[in-house]
Amino acid sequence: MNSRAASKPVKTDNLKFKRRVERTIKIKYVIDLIQKLIGKGLPQYGAVPYRLDENMELYADVSKAKKLLSWESSIGLEDGLKDMIAQY
């Protein structure tokens, strides 16, 4: 995992949220985690050329949602993925 700071405005109805990134999660990490959880598949990284603006990391900062909506995540990435996979 990587640390970086960036901001990008996001508009939701009348509320405007800025994503301020404090921590990133690499897409490869998520793919490897899913592969581990389902117990099959073999990702072939680099088999297809990456597009110019290909996302390699996921960014999330929910601090404004916590403040304005009193929302807080109660499930971590791995547990959330386990729940999602179990539904399929």
N, C-alpha and C. Protein backbone atom coordinates (compact mmCIF):
# COMPACT_ATOMS: atom_id res chain seq x y z
N MET A 1 0.83 -1.18 0.00
CA MET A 1 0.00 0.00 0.00
C MET A 1 0.87 1.24 0.00
N ASN A 2 0.32 2.32 -0.42
CA ASN A 2 1.09 3.50 -0.73
C ASN A 2 0.44 4.72 -0.09
N SER A 3 1.20 5.73 0.25
CA SER A 3 0.63 6.98 0.75
C SER A 3 0.88 8.09 -0.24
N ARG A 4 -0.16 8.89 -0.48
CA ARG A 4 -0.06 10.00 -1.41
C ARG A 4 -1.20 10.96 -1.07
N ALA A 5 -1.06 12.24 -1.35
CA ALA A 5 -2.13 13.20 -1.13
C ALA A 5 -2.55 13.80 -2.46
N ALA A 6 -3.86 13.83 -2.71
CA ALA A 6 -4.40 14.41 -3.94
C ALA A 6 -5.84 14.81 -3.69
N SER A 7 -6.35 15.76 -4.45
CA SER A 7 -7.73 16.17 -4.31
C SER A 7 -8.39 16.24 -5.66
N LYS A 8 -9.64 15.80 -5.71
CA LYS A 8 -10.41 15.87 -6.94
C LYS A 8 -11.86 16.10 -6.54
N PRO A 9 -12.52 17.14 -7.06
CA PRO A 9 -13.90 17.40 -6.66
C PRO A 9 -14.85 16.34 -7.19
N VAL A 10 -15.83 16.00 -6.36
CA VAL A 10 -16.87 15.05 -6.73
C VAL A 10 -18.20 15.68 -6.36
N LYS A 11 -19.14 15.76 -7.31
CA LYS A 11 -20.43 16.38 -7.04
C LYS A 11 -21.50 15.32 -6.86
N THR A 12 -22.24 15.40 -5.77
CA THR A 12 -23.34 14.50 -5.48
C THR A 12 -24.55 15.35 -5.15
N ASP A 13 -25.52 15.41 -6.06
CA ASP A 13 -26.69 16.27 -5.91
C ASP A 13 -26.22 17.69 -5.60
N ASN A 14 -26.59 18.23 -4.44
CA ASN A 14 -26.20 19.59 -4.07
C ASN A 14 -24.94 19.62 -3.21
N LEU A 15 -24.45 18.47 -2.84
CA LEU A 15 -23.24 18.41 -2.01
C LEU A 15 -22.03 18.19 -2.89
N LYS A 16 -20.96 18.84 -2.57
CA LYS A 16 -19.71 18.65 -3.31
C LYS A 16 -18.70 18.05 -2.33
N PHE A 17 -18.14 16.94 -2.71
CA PHE A 17 -17.15 16.27 -1.89
C PHE A 17 -15.82 16.31 -2.61
N LYS A 18 -14.77 16.49 -1.87
CA LYS A 18 -13.42 16.38 -2.43
C LYS A 18 -12.79 15.13 -1.87
N ARG A 19 -12.18 14.38 -2.75
CA ARG A 19 -11.48 13.19 -2.29
C ARG A 19 -10.06 13.60 -1.94
N ARG A 20 -9.74 13.59 -0.69
CA ARG A 20 -8.37 13.84 -0.26
C ARG A 20 -7.78 12.50 0.09
N VAL A 21 -6.77 12.15 -0.61
CA VAL A 21 -6.20 10.82 -0.49
C VAL A 21 -5.08 10.82 0.54
N GLU A 22 -5.21 10.00 1.53
CA GLU A 22 -4.16 9.81 2.51
C GLU A 22 -3.52 8.43 2.36
N ARG A 23 -4.32 7.48 1.87
CA ARG A 23 -3.85 6.11 1.74
C ARG A 23 -4.43 5.53 0.45
N THR A 24 -3.64 4.80 -0.27
CA THR A 24 -4.10 4.19 -1.51
C THR A 24 -4.03 2.68 -1.39
N ILE A 25 -4.84 2.01 -2.20
CA ILE A 25 -4.79 0.56 -2.27
C ILE A 25 -4.54 0.21 -3.73
N LYS A 26 -3.52 -0.52 -3.98
CA LYS A 26 -3.19 -0.91 -5.34
C LYS A 26 -4.24 -1.89 -5.88
N ILE A 27 -4.62 -1.71 -7.14
CA ILE A 27 -5.58 -2.60 -7.79
C ILE A 27 -5.05 -4.04 -7.75
N LYS A 28 -3.76 -4.22 -7.95
CA LYS A 28 -3.16 -5.55 -7.91
C LYS A 28 -3.41 -6.21 -6.56
N TYR A 29 -3.33 -5.45 -5.49
CA TYR A 29 -3.59 -5.98 -4.14
C TYR A 29 -5.03 -6.51 -4.06
N VAL A 30 -5.99 -5.75 -4.58
CA VAL A 30 -7.39 -6.14 -4.54
C VAL A 30 -7.61 -7.41 -5.38
N ILE A 31 -7.02 -7.45 -6.57
CA ILE A 31 -7.15 -8.62 -7.44
C ILE A 31 -6.56 -9.85 -6.76
N ASP A 32 -5.38 -9.72 -6.18
CA ASP A 32 -4.74 -10.84 -5.49
C ASP A 32 -5.59 -11.30 -4.30
N LEU A 33 -6.19 -10.36 -3.59
CA LEU A 33 -7.04 -10.69 -2.44
C LEU A 33 -8.28 -11.45 -2.91
N ILE A 34 -8.91 -10.99 -3.97
CA ILE A 34 -10.08 -11.69 -4.51
C ILE A 34 -9.70 -13.09 -4.96
N GLN A 35 -8.58 -13.21 -5.66
CA GLN A 35 -8.12 -14.52 -6.12
C GLN A 35 -7.89 -15.45 -4.93
N LYS A 36 -7.32 -14.94 -3.87
CA LYS A 36 -7.08 -15.73 -2.66
C LYS A 36 -8.41 -16.15 -2.02
N LEU A 37 -9.37 -15.24 -1.97
CA LEU A 37 -10.65 -15.54 -1.33
C LEU A 37 -11.50 -16.55 -2.11
N ILE A 38 -11.45 -16.49 -3.45
CA ILE A 38 -12.25 -17.43 -4.23
C ILE A 38 -11.50 -18.73 -4.49
N GLY A 39 -10.18 -18.70 -4.30
CA GLY A 39 -9.39 -19.92 -4.40
C GLY A 39 -9.17 -20.43 -5.81
N LYS A 40 -9.37 -19.57 -6.79
CA LYS A 40 -9.10 -20.00 -8.17
C LYS A 40 -8.80 -18.78 -9.02
N GLY A 41 -8.37 -19.05 -10.25
CA GLY A 41 -8.01 -17.98 -11.16
C GLY A 41 -6.52 -17.70 -11.10
N LEU A 42 -6.01 -17.19 -12.18
CA LEU A 42 -4.59 -16.85 -12.25
C LEU A 42 -4.46 -15.53 -13.00
N PRO A 43 -4.43 -14.41 -12.27
CA PRO A 43 -4.30 -13.11 -12.95
C PRO A 43 -3.04 -13.08 -13.81
N GLN A 44 -3.17 -12.53 -14.98
CA GLN A 44 -2.04 -12.43 -15.91
C GLN A 44 -1.68 -10.96 -16.09
N TYR A 45 -1.02 -10.42 -15.10
CA TYR A 45 -0.65 -9.00 -15.12
C TYR A 45 0.25 -8.70 -16.30
N GLY A 46 -0.09 -7.67 -17.06
CA GLY A 46 0.72 -7.25 -18.18
C GLY A 46 0.43 -7.98 -19.48
N ALA A 47 -0.49 -8.96 -19.47
CA ALA A 47 -0.81 -9.71 -20.69
C ALA A 47 -1.46 -8.82 -21.74
N VAL A 48 -2.18 -7.81 -21.29
CA VAL A 48 -2.82 -6.83 -22.17
C VAL A 48 -2.17 -5.48 -21.86
N PRO A 49 -1.76 -4.73 -22.85
CA PRO A 49 -1.13 -3.43 -22.59
C PRO A 49 -2.06 -2.50 -21.80
N TYR A 50 -1.49 -1.78 -20.86
CA TYR A 50 -2.27 -0.83 -20.07
C TYR A 50 -2.68 0.35 -20.93
N ARG A 51 -3.88 0.86 -20.69
CA ARG A 51 -4.35 2.05 -21.39
C ARG A 51 -3.64 3.27 -20.81
N LEU A 52 -3.65 4.36 -21.53
CA LEU A 52 -2.94 5.57 -21.13
C LEU A 52 -3.34 6.04 -19.73
N ASP A 53 -4.63 6.09 -19.43
CA ASP A 53 -5.11 6.57 -18.13
C ASP A 53 -5.61 5.44 -17.24
N GLU A 54 -5.00 4.29 -17.34
CA GLU A 54 -5.41 3.13 -16.55
C GLU A 54 -5.23 3.40 -15.06
N ASN A 55 -6.25 3.11 -14.25
CA ASN A 55 -6.16 3.24 -12.80
C ASN A 55 -5.36 2.08 -12.24
N MET A 56 -4.37 2.39 -11.43
CA MET A 56 -3.56 1.36 -10.79
C MET A 56 -3.78 1.34 -9.28
N GLU A 57 -4.49 2.34 -8.77
CA GLU A 57 -4.73 2.44 -7.34
C GLU A 57 -6.15 2.90 -7.09
N LEU A 58 -6.69 2.51 -5.93
CA LEU A 58 -8.01 2.96 -5.50
C LEU A 58 -7.83 4.03 -4.43
N TYR A 59 -8.62 5.07 -4.50
CA TYR A 59 -8.53 6.16 -3.55
C TYR A 59 -9.87 6.34 -2.84
N ALA A 60 -9.83 6.55 -1.55
CA ALA A 60 -11.07 6.83 -0.82
C ALA A 60 -10.75 7.63 0.44
N ASP A 61 -11.50 8.68 0.62
CA ASP A 61 -11.46 9.45 1.86
C ASP A 61 -12.90 9.81 2.17
N VAL A 62 -13.43 9.27 3.23
CA VAL A 62 -14.83 9.47 3.56
C VAL A 62 -15.02 10.44 4.72
N SER A 63 -14.02 11.26 5.00
CA SER A 63 -14.09 12.15 6.16
C SER A 63 -15.26 13.13 6.07
N LYS A 64 -15.56 13.65 4.87
CA LYS A 64 -16.68 14.59 4.74
C LYS A 64 -18.01 13.86 4.93
N ALA A 65 -18.11 12.65 4.42
CA ALA A 65 -19.32 11.85 4.62
C ALA A 65 -19.51 11.55 6.10
N LYS A 66 -18.41 11.28 6.79
CA LYS A 66 -18.50 11.04 8.24
C LYS A 66 -19.02 12.28 8.95
N LYS A 67 -18.48 13.42 8.57
CA LYS A 67 -18.86 14.67 9.24
C LYS A 67 -20.29 15.09 8.91
N LEU A 68 -20.67 15.10 7.63
CA LEU A 68 -21.99 15.59 7.22
C LEU A 68 -23.11 14.57 7.37
N LEU A 69 -22.79 13.31 7.18
CA LEU A 69 -23.83 12.28 7.17
C LEU A 69 -23.75 11.34 8.37
N SER A 70 -22.77 11.58 9.23
CA SER A 70 -22.54 10.70 10.39
C SER A 70 -22.36 9.24 9.96
N TRP A 71 -21.68 9.05 8.83
CA TRP A 71 -21.47 7.72 8.30
C TRP A 71 -20.06 7.26 8.59
N GLU A 72 -19.93 6.00 8.94
CA GLU A 72 -18.62 5.41 9.15
C GLU A 72 -18.65 3.97 8.68
N SER A 73 -17.64 3.57 7.98
CA SER A 73 -17.55 2.20 7.50
C SER A 73 -17.42 1.25 8.68
N SER A 74 -18.18 0.18 8.62
CA SER A 74 -18.11 -0.81 9.70
C SER A 74 -17.51 -2.13 9.21
N ILE A 75 -17.20 -2.20 7.92
CA ILE A 75 -16.67 -3.42 7.33
C ILE A 75 -15.38 -3.08 6.58
N GLY A 76 -14.35 -3.84 6.83
CA GLY A 76 -13.08 -3.65 6.14
C GLY A 76 -13.12 -4.24 4.74
N LEU A 77 -12.11 -3.96 3.95
CA LEU A 77 -12.05 -4.42 2.56
C LEU A 77 -12.16 -5.94 2.46
N GLU A 78 -11.36 -6.67 3.21
CA GLU A 78 -11.37 -8.13 3.09
C GLU A 78 -12.73 -8.71 3.50
N ASP A 79 -13.29 -8.24 4.60
CA ASP A 79 -14.59 -8.75 5.04
C ASP A 79 -15.69 -8.36 4.04
N GLY A 80 -15.62 -7.16 3.49
CA GLY A 80 -16.60 -6.74 2.49
C GLY A 80 -16.53 -7.59 1.24
N LEU A 81 -15.31 -7.91 0.80
CA LEU A 81 -15.14 -8.78 -0.36
C LEU A 81 -15.66 -10.19 -0.07
N LYS A 82 -15.38 -10.70 1.14
CA LYS A 82 -15.89 -12.03 1.52
C LYS A 82 -17.41 -12.06 1.45
N ASP A 83 -18.06 -11.04 2.00
CA ASP A 83 -19.53 -10.95 1.96
C ASP A 83 -20.05 -10.90 0.53
N MET A 84 -19.42 -10.09 -0.31
CA MET A 84 -19.85 -9.95 -1.69
C MET A 84 -19.69 -11.28 -2.44
N ILE A 85 -18.56 -11.93 -2.27
CA ILE A 85 -18.29 -13.20 -2.94
C ILE A 85 -19.29 -14.27 -2.48
N ALA A 86 -19.63 -14.27 -1.21
CA ALA A 86 -20.56 -15.27 -0.66
C ALA A 86 -21.95 -15.14 -1.28
N GLN A 87 -22.30 -13.95 -1.79
CA GLN A 87 -23.62 -13.74 -2.38
C GLN A 87 -23.69 -14.26 -3.81
N TYR A 88 -22.57 -14.63 -4.41
CA TYR A 88 -22.57 -15.11 -5.78
C TYR A 88 -22.32 -16.56 -5.84
